[in-house]
Amino acid sequence: MADPRDPERKRIGKVVKVHENPACLMRSFEIRWTDNPFRIEELDALQFGDLDEV
């Protein structure tokens, strides 16, 4: 997954966990970036725009 906040940097990460909030159906993702594999960051789905269900 590419970092949507800085597309020019082309930062790549792997989603390690998906959280769903049942109250608002909002998803958030825990992402481990390749440039810092020891840090996991949580981002809201809104930051990625429309995500298609796979």
Protein backbone atom coordinates (compact mmCIF):
# COMPACT_ATOMS: atom_id res chain seq x y z
CA MET A 1 0.00 0.00 0.00
CA ALA A 2 1.36 3.43 -0.92
CA ASP A 3 1.25 6.30 1.57
CA PRO A 4 -1.58 8.62 0.39
CA ARG A 5 -0.27 11.59 2.37
CA ASP A 6 2.91 11.99 0.31
CA PRO A 7 2.58 10.32 -3.12
CA GLU A 8 5.84 11.79 -4.45
CA ARG A 9 7.85 10.01 -1.77
CA LYS A 10 6.47 6.62 -2.91
CA ARG A 11 6.52 5.22 0.63
CA ILE A 12 5.29 1.62 0.65
CA GLY A 13 3.81 -0.30 3.55
CA LYS A 14 1.99 -3.48 4.44
CA VAL A 15 -1.37 -3.57 6.21
CA VAL A 16 -0.99 -5.74 9.30
CA LYS A 17 -4.46 -5.25 10.79
CA VAL A 18 -7.81 -3.72 9.83
CA HIS A 19 -10.09 -2.22 12.50
CA GLU A 20 -13.80 -1.59 11.88
CA ASN A 21 -15.87 0.75 14.00
CA PRO A 22 -19.38 -0.77 14.07
CA ALA A 23 -20.97 2.53 15.09
CA CYS A 24 -19.99 4.37 11.92
CA LEU A 25 -18.64 1.58 9.68
CA MET A 26 -15.32 3.43 9.49
CA ARG A 27 -12.21 1.36 8.93
CA SER A 28 -8.68 2.09 10.05
CA PHE A 29 -5.51 0.29 9.07
CA GLU A 30 -2.39 -0.58 11.02
CA ILE A 31 0.47 -0.22 8.55
CA ARG A 32 4.11 -1.26 8.80
CA TRP A 33 6.13 0.93 6.45
CA THR A 34 9.16 -0.53 4.65
CA ASP A 35 11.35 2.46 5.57
CA ASN A 36 10.81 1.85 9.32
CA PRO A 37 9.69 -1.76 9.91
CA PHE A 38 9.77 -1.42 13.70
CA ARG A 39 7.04 1.24 13.77
CA ILE A 40 3.37 0.55 13.10
CA GLU A 41 1.14 3.49 12.24
CA GLU A 42 -2.68 3.58 12.25
CA LEU A 43 -4.43 5.52 9.47
CA ASP A 44 -8.14 6.10 8.85
CA ALA A 45 -9.64 4.80 5.61
CA LEU A 46 -10.69 8.35 4.69
CA GLN A 47 -7.05 9.23 4.05
CA PHE A 48 -6.92 6.65 1.25
CA GLY A 49 -10.04 7.77 -0.61
CA ASP A 50 -12.41 5.16 -2.02
CA LEU A 51 -11.27 1.60 -1.37
CA ASP A 52 -12.84 -1.20 -3.35
CA GLU A 53 -13.81 -4.36 -1.53
CA VAL A 54 -11.65 -7.26 -2.63
